[in-house]
């Protein structure tokens, strides 16, 4: 059903994971400003969860953005 190439889906997942990781790092940094220490038990899921969601969203969004191959 989906006509996107695997490399495009992988690229979308990679970019989505990078954006999600950046959001997670900002979340950990913001939490660190309001408390004295941020434990590893908080930091790991706070970075991993947005990265995973970003990868899923990147894959999903990329799958629907193909153009038809029309030659004139």
PDB file of N, CA and C in Angstrom:
ATOM      1  N   UNK A   1       0.808  -1.188   0.000  1.00  0.00           N
ATOM      2  CA  UNK A   1       0.000   0.000   0.000  1.00  0.00           C
ATOM      3  C   UNK A   1       0.858   1.262   0.000  1.00  0.00           C
ATOM      4  N   UNK A   2       1.882   1.264   0.789  1.00  0.00           N
ATOM      5  CA  UNK A   2       2.766   2.413   0.857  1.00  0.00           C
ATOM      6  C   UNK A   2       3.808   2.313  -0.245  1.00  0.00           C
ATOM      7  N   UNK A   3       4.014   3.389  -0.966  1.00  0.00           N
ATOM      8  CA  UNK A   3       4.945   3.346  -2.081  1.00  0.00           C
ATOM      9  C   UNK A   3       6.257   4.050  -1.781  1.00  0.00           C
ATOM     10  N   UNK A   4       6.521   4.392  -0.529  1.00  0.00           N
ATOM     11  CA  UNK A   4       7.773   5.067  -0.212  1.00  0.00           C
ATOM     12  C   UNK A   4       8.903   4.053  -0.140  1.00  0.00           C
ATOM     13  N   UNK A   5      10.074   4.513  -0.445  1.00  0.00           N
ATOM     14  CA  UNK A   5      11.232   3.630  -0.428  1.00  0.00           C
ATOM     15  C   UNK A   5      11.699   3.427   0.997  1.00  0.00           C
ATOM     16  N   UNK A   6      12.329   2.287   1.264  1.00  0.00           N
ATOM     17  CA  UNK A   6      12.831   2.047   2.627  1.00  0.00           C
ATOM     18  C   UNK A   6      13.861   3.090   3.069  1.00  0.00           C
ATOM     19  N   UNK A   7      14.664   3.589   2.139  1.00  0.00           N
ATOM     20  CA  UNK A   7      15.656   4.593   2.531  1.00  0.00           C
ATOM     21  C   UNK A   7      14.993   5.904   2.951  1.00  0.00           C
ATOM     22  N   UNK A   8      13.891   6.255   2.316  1.00  0.00           N
ATOM     23  CA  UNK A   8      13.167   7.471   2.709  1.00  0.00           C
ATOM     24  C   UNK A   8      12.531   7.289   4.078  1.00  0.00           C
ATOM     25  N   UNK A   9      12.011   6.099   4.333  1.00  0.00           N
ATOM     26  CA  UNK A   9      11.409   5.839   5.645  1.00  0.00           C
ATOM     27  C   UNK A   9      12.470   5.825   6.727  1.00  0.00           C
ATOM     28  N   UNK A  10      13.640   5.235   6.429  1.00  0.00           N
ATOM     29  CA  UNK A  10      14.728   5.227   7.400  1.00  0.00           C
ATOM     30  C   UNK A  10      15.213   6.645   7.666  1.00  0.00           C
ATOM     31  N   UNK A  11      15.325   7.446   6.616  1.00  0.00           N
ATOM     32  CA  UNK A  11      15.740   8.844   6.785  1.00  0.00           C
ATOM     33  C   UNK A  11      14.762   9.627   7.631  1.00  0.00           C
ATOM     34  N   UNK A  12      13.476   9.411   7.396  1.00  0.00           N
ATOM     35  CA  UNK A  12      12.461  10.085   8.203  1.00  0.00           C
ATOM     36  C   UNK A  12      12.505   9.652   9.650  1.00  0.00           C
ATOM     37  N   UNK A  13      12.725   8.356   9.865  1.00  0.00           N
ATOM     38  CA  UNK A  13      12.822   7.851  11.239  1.00  0.00           C
ATOM     39  C   UNK A  13      14.053   8.412  11.936  1.00  0.00           C
ATOM     40  N   UNK A  14      15.152   8.515  11.210  1.00  0.00           N
ATOM     41  CA  UNK A  14      16.391   9.041  11.792  1.00  0.00           C
ATOM     42  C   UNK A  14      16.244  10.506  12.163  1.00  0.00           C
ATOM     43  N   UNK A  15      15.685  11.291  11.268  1.00  0.00           N
ATOM     44  CA  UNK A  15      15.484  12.719  11.557  1.00  0.00           C
ATOM     45  C   UNK A  15      14.493  12.895  12.697  1.00  0.00           C
ATOM     46  N   UNK A  16      13.434  12.107  12.706  1.00  0.00           N
ATOM     47  CA  UNK A  16      12.472  12.177  13.797  1.00  0.00           C
ATOM     48  C   UNK A  16      13.096  11.814  15.135  1.00  0.00           C
ATOM     49  N   UNK A  17      13.972  10.800  15.127  1.00  0.00           N
ATOM     50  CA  UNK A  17      14.659  10.419  16.364  1.00  0.00           C
ATOM     51  C   UNK A  17      15.597  11.517  16.835  1.00  0.00           C
ATOM     52  N   UNK A  18      16.271  12.183  15.914  1.00  0.00           N
ATOM     53  CA  UNK A  18      17.152  13.290  16.295  1.00  0.00           C
ATOM     54  C   UNK A  18      16.360  14.438  16.916  1.00  0.00           C
ATOM     55  N   UNK A  19      15.241  14.771  16.312  1.00  0.00           N
ATOM     56  CA  UNK A  19      14.405  15.849  16.847  1.00  0.00           C
ATOM     57  C   UNK A  19      13.844  15.452  18.212  1.00  0.00           C
ATOM     58  N   UNK A  20      13.407  14.201  18.336  1.00  0.00           N
ATOM     59  CA  UNK A  20      12.905  13.727  19.620  1.00  0.00           C
ATOM     60  C   UNK A  20      13.962  13.722  20.698  1.00  0.00           C
ATOM     61  N   UNK A  21      15.184  13.335  20.338  1.00  0.00           N
ATOM     62  CA  UNK A  21      16.280  13.351  21.303  1.00  0.00           C
ATOM     63  C   UNK A  21      16.587  14.772  21.753  1.00  0.00           C
ATOM     64  N   UNK A  22      16.569  15.700  20.817  1.00  0.00           N
ATOM     65  CA  UNK A  22      16.800  17.099  21.181  1.00  0.00           C
ATOM     66  C   UNK A  22      15.716  17.595  22.141  1.00  0.00           C
ATOM     67  N   UNK A  23      14.479  17.203  21.888  1.00  0.00           N
ATOM     68  CA  UNK A  23      13.393  17.595  22.796  1.00  0.00           C
ATOM     69  C   UNK A  23      13.589  16.966  24.168  1.00  0.00           C
ATOM     70  N   UNK A  24      14.031  15.716  24.199  1.00  0.00           N
ATOM     71  CA  UNK A  24      14.282  15.058  25.483  1.00  0.00           C
ATOM     72  C   UNK A  24      15.410  15.711  26.252  1.00  0.00           C
ATOM     73  N   UNK A  25      16.464  16.103  25.554  1.00  0.00           N
ATOM     74  CA  UNK A  25      17.587  16.785  26.210  1.00  0.00           C
ATOM     75  C   UNK A  25      17.130  18.122  26.778  1.00  0.00           C
ATOM     76  N   UNK A  26      16.299  18.839  26.042  1.00  0.00           N
ATOM     77  CA  UNK A  26      15.754  20.099  26.565  1.00  0.00           C
ATOM     78  C   UNK A  26      14.888  19.859  27.791  1.00  0.00           C
ATOM     79  N   UNK A  27      14.130  18.760  27.780  1.00  0.00           N
ATOM     80  CA  UNK A  27      13.308  18.424  28.936  1.00  0.00           C
ATOM     81  C   UNK A  27      14.164  18.140  30.163  1.00  0.00           C
ATOM     82  N   UNK A  28      15.237  17.373  29.990  1.00  0.00           N
ATOM     83  CA  UNK A  28      16.130  17.058  31.105  1.00  0.00           C
ATOM     84  C   UNK A  28      16.840  18.317  31.596  1.00  0.00           C
ATOM     85  N   UNK A  29      17.246  19.173  30.667  1.00  0.00           N
ATOM     86  CA  UNK A  29      17.912  20.418  31.043  1.00  0.00           C
ATOM     87  C   UNK A  29      16.969  21.324  31.832  1.00  0.00           C
ATOM     88  N   UNK A  30      15.733  21.419  31.361  1.00  0.00           N
ATOM     89  CA  UNK A  30      14.755  22.242  32.090  1.00  0.00           C
ATOM     90  C   UNK A  30      14.471  21.672  33.468  1.00  0.00           C
ATOM     91  N   UNK A  31      14.381  20.363  33.562  1.00  0.00           N
ATOM     92  CA  UNK A  31      14.145  19.748  34.876  1.00  0.00           C
ATOM     93  C   UNK A  31      15.340  19.965  35.793  1.00  0.00           C
ATOM     94  N   UNK A  32      16.528  19.978  35.229  1.00  0.00           N
ATOM     95  CA  UNK A  32      17.734  20.197  36.021  1.00  0.00           C
ATOM     96  C   UNK A  32      17.822  21.604  36.578  1.00  0.00           C
ATOM     97  N   UNK A  33      17.206  22.568  35.901  1.00  0.00           N
ATOM     98  CA  UNK A  33      17.249  23.937  36.404  1.00  0.00           C
ATOM     99  C   UNK A  33      16.329  24.120  37.607  1.00  0.00           C
ATOM    100  N   UNK A  34      15.308  23.279  37.723  1.00  0.00           N
ATOM    101  CA  UNK A  34      14.363  23.416  38.824  1.00  0.00           C
ATOM    102  C   UNK A  34      14.678  22.507  40.007  1.00  0.00           C
ATOM    103  N   UNK A  35      15.584  21.581  39.824  1.00  0.00           N
ATOM    104  CA  UNK A  35      15.967  20.712  40.938  1.00  0.00           C
ATOM    105  C   UNK A  35      17.493  20.634  40.991  1.00  0.00           C
ATOM    106  N   UNK A  36      18.002  20.192  42.093  1.00  0.00           N
ATOM    107  CA  UNK A  36      19.455  20.161  42.269  1.00  0.00           C
ATOM    108  C   UNK A  36      20.084  19.054  41.447  1.00  0.00           C
ATOM    109  N   UNK A  37      19.501  17.875  41.458  1.00  0.00           N
ATOM    110  CA  UNK A  37      20.055  16.756  40.688  1.00  0.00           C
ATOM    111  C   UNK A  37      18.964  16.107  39.866  1.00  0.00           C
ATOM    112  N   UNK A  38      19.347  15.602  38.712  1.00  0.00           N
ATOM    113  CA  UNK A  38      18.451  14.832  37.867  1.00  0.00           C
ATOM    114  C   UNK A  38      19.028  13.425  37.817  1.00  0.00           C
ATOM    115  N   UNK A  39      18.264  12.459  38.292  1.00  0.00           N
ATOM    116  CA  UNK A  39      18.771  11.090  38.347  1.00  0.00           C
ATOM    117  C   UNK A  39      18.745  10.448  36.966  1.00  0.00           C
ATOM    118  N   UNK A  40      19.509   9.401  36.826  1.00  0.00           N
ATOM    119  CA  UNK A  40      19.560   8.647  35.577  1.00  0.00           C
ATOM    120  C   UNK A  40      18.207   7.981  35.316  1.00  0.00           C
ATOM    121  N   UNK A  41      17.503   7.624  36.389  1.00  0.00           N
ATOM    122  CA  UNK A  41      16.184   7.011  36.223  1.00  0.00           C
ATOM    123  C   UNK A  41      15.184   7.960  35.579  1.00  0.00           C
ATOM    124  N   UNK A  42      15.388   9.251  35.729  1.00  0.00           N
ATOM    125  CA  UNK A  42      14.525  10.229  35.062  1.00  0.00           C
ATOM    126  C   UNK A  42      15.075  10.595  33.690  1.00  0.00           C
ATOM    127  N   UNK A  43      16.379  10.782  33.602  1.00  0.00           N
ATOM    128  CA  UNK A  43      16.983  11.286  32.370  1.00  0.00           C
ATOM    129  C   UNK A  43      16.879  10.289  31.221  1.00  0.00           C
ATOM    130  N   UNK A  44      17.091   9.019  31.490  1.00  0.00           N
ATOM    131  CA  UNK A  44      17.062   8.025  30.407  1.00  0.00           C
ATOM    132  C   UNK A  44      15.705   7.945  29.714  1.00  0.00           C
ATOM    133  N   UNK A  45      14.602   7.734  30.449  1.00  0.00           N
ATOM    134  CA  UNK A  45      13.307   7.709  29.749  1.00  0.00           C
ATOM    135  C   UNK A  45      12.912   9.061  29.171  1.00  0.00           C
ATOM    136  N   UNK A  46      13.360  10.145  29.800  1.00  0.00           N
ATOM    137  CA  UNK A  46      13.000  11.479  29.303  1.00  0.00           C
ATOM    138  C   UNK A  46      13.660  11.771  27.965  1.00  0.00           C
ATOM    139  N   UNK A  47      14.771  11.111  27.675  1.00  0.00           N
ATOM    140  CA  UNK A  47      15.424  11.283  26.373  1.00  0.00           C
ATOM    141  C   UNK A  47      14.975  10.195  25.402  1.00  0.00           C
ATOM    142  N   UNK A  48      14.819   8.967  25.885  1.00  0.00           N
ATOM    143  CA  UNK A  48      14.486   7.845  25.001  1.00  0.00           C
ATOM    144  C   UNK A  48      13.051   7.900  24.483  1.00  0.00           C
ATOM    145  N   UNK A  49      12.109   8.295  25.323  1.00  0.00           N
ATOM    146  CA  UNK A  49      10.701   8.312  24.896  1.00  0.00           C
ATOM    147  C   UNK A  49      10.451   9.301  23.750  1.00  0.00           C
ATOM    148  N   UNK A  50      10.920  10.555  23.842  1.00  0.00           N
ATOM    149  CA  UNK A  50      10.712  11.446  22.685  1.00  0.00           C
ATOM    150  C   UNK A  50      11.460  10.990  21.437  1.00  0.00           C
ATOM    151  N   UNK A  51      12.610  10.338  21.614  1.00  0.00           N
ATOM    152  CA  UNK A  51      13.338   9.828  20.449  1.00  0.00           C
ATOM    153  C   UNK A  51      12.548   8.726  19.757  1.00  0.00           C
ATOM    154  N   UNK A  52      11.954   7.842  20.529  1.00  0.00           N
ATOM    155  CA  UNK A  52      11.150   6.761  19.949  1.00  0.00           C
ATOM    156  C   UNK A  52       9.906   7.311  19.256  1.00  0.00           C
ATOM    157  N   UNK A  53       9.238   8.234  19.911  1.00  0.00           N
ATOM    158  CA  UNK A  53       8.047   8.841  19.302  1.00  0.00           C
ATOM    159  C   UNK A  53       8.423   9.604  18.036  1.00  0.00           C
ATOM    160  N   UNK A  54       9.555  10.309  18.076  1.00  0.00           N
ATOM    161  CA  UNK A  54      10.007  11.028  16.878  1.00  0.00           C
ATOM    162  C   UNK A  54      10.309  10.094  15.727  1.00  0.00           C
ATOM    163  N   UNK A  55      10.894   8.944  16.020  1.00  0.00           N
ATOM    164  CA  UNK A  55      11.183   7.969  14.963  1.00  0.00           C
ATOM    165  C   UNK A  55       9.898   7.428  14.355  1.00  0.00           C
ATOM    166  N   UNK A  56       8.909   7.151  15.187  1.00  0.00           N
ATOM    167  CA  UNK A  56       7.626   6.640  14.685  1.00  0.00           C
ATOM    168  C   UNK A  56       6.926   7.700  13.840  1.00  0.00           C
ATOM    169  N   UNK A  57       6.905   8.922  14.328  1.00  0.00           N
ATOM    170  CA  UNK A  57       6.269  10.008  13.566  1.00  0.00           C
ATOM    171  C   UNK A  57       7.023  10.259  12.265  1.00  0.00           C
ATOM    172  N   UNK A  58       8.355  10.240  12.315  1.00  0.00           N
ATOM    173  CA  UNK A  58       9.134  10.440  11.094  1.00  0.00           C
ATOM    174  C   UNK A  58       8.865   9.378  10.054  1.00  0.00           C
ATOM    175  N   UNK A  59       8.714   8.136  10.484  1.00  0.00           N
ATOM    176  CA  UNK A  59       8.399   7.052   9.558  1.00  0.00           C
ATOM    177  C   UNK A  59       6.996   7.204   8.994  1.00  0.00           C
ATOM    178  N   UNK A  60       6.056   7.563   9.826  1.00  0.00           N
ATOM    179  CA  UNK A  60       4.666   7.696   9.395  1.00  0.00           C
ATOM    180  C   UNK A  60       4.493   8.859   8.433  1.00  0.00           C
ATOM    181  N   UNK A  61       5.081   9.978   8.743  1.00  0.00           N
ATOM    182  CA  UNK A  61       4.938  11.156   7.884  1.00  0.00           C
ATOM    183  C   UNK A  61       5.641  10.944   6.556  1.00  0.00           C
ATOM    184  N   UNK A  62       6.785  10.302   6.570  1.00  0.00           N
ATOM    185  CA  UNK A  62       7.533  10.070   5.333  1.00  0.00           C
ATOM    186  C   UNK A  62       6.795   9.135   4.404  1.00  0.00           C
ATOM    187  N   UNK A  63       6.041   8.181   4.933  1.00  0.00           N
ATOM    188  CA  UNK A  63       5.393   7.189   4.083  1.00  0.00           C
ATOM    189  C   UNK A  63       4.331   7.792   3.172  1.00  0.00           C
ATOM    190  N   UNK A  64       3.778   8.930   3.509  1.00  0.00           N
ATOM    191  CA  UNK A  64       2.739   9.521   2.689  1.00  0.00           C
ATOM    192  C   UNK A  64       3.187  10.689   1.843  1.00  0.00           C
ATOM    193  N   UNK A  65       4.478  10.916   1.738  1.00  0.00           N
ATOM    194  CA  UNK A  65       4.945  12.114   1.036  1.00  0.00           C
ATOM    195  C   UNK A  65       5.657  11.770  -0.265  1.00  0.00           C
ATOM    196  N   UNK A  66       5.233  10.722  -0.936  1.00  0.00           N
ATOM    197  CA  UNK A  66       5.870  10.373  -2.205  1.00  0.00           C
ATOM    198  C   UNK A  66       5.162  11.069  -3.344  1.00  0.00           C
ATOM    199  N   UNK A  67       5.887  11.313  -4.403  1.00  0.00           N
ATOM    200  CA  UNK A  67       5.329  11.941  -5.587  1.00  0.00           C
ATOM    201  C   UNK A  67       5.190  10.899  -6.684  1.00  0.00           C
ATOM    202  N   UNK A  68       4.192  11.030  -7.515  1.00  0.00           N
ATOM    203  CA  UNK A  68       4.061  10.069  -8.605  1.00  0.00           C
ATOM    204  C   UNK A  68       5.177  10.258  -9.617  1.00  0.00           C
ATOM    205  N   UNK A  69       5.602   9.193 -10.221  1.00  0.00           N
ATOM    206  CA  UNK A  69       6.660   9.248 -11.212  1.00  0.00           C
ATOM    207  C   UNK A  69       6.040   9.522 -12.572  1.00  0.00           C
ATOM    208  N   UNK A  70       5.951  10.795 -12.912  1.00  0.00           N
ATOM    209  CA  UNK A  70       5.346  11.156 -14.199  1.00  0.00           C
ATOM    210  C   UNK A  70       6.406  11.770 -15.094  1.00  0.00           C
ATOM    211  N   UNK A  71       6.526  11.209 -16.281  1.00  0.00           N
ATOM    212  CA  UNK A  71       7.478  11.755 -17.252  1.00  0.00           C
ATOM    213  C   UNK A  71       6.696  12.301 -18.423  1.00  0.00           C
ATOM    214  N   UNK A  72       7.136  13.448 -18.884  1.00  0.00           N
ATOM    215  CA  UNK A  72       6.412  14.095 -19.992  1.00  0.00           C
ATOM    216  C   UNK A  72       7.155  13.942 -21.263  1.00  0.00           C
TER     217      UNK A  72
END
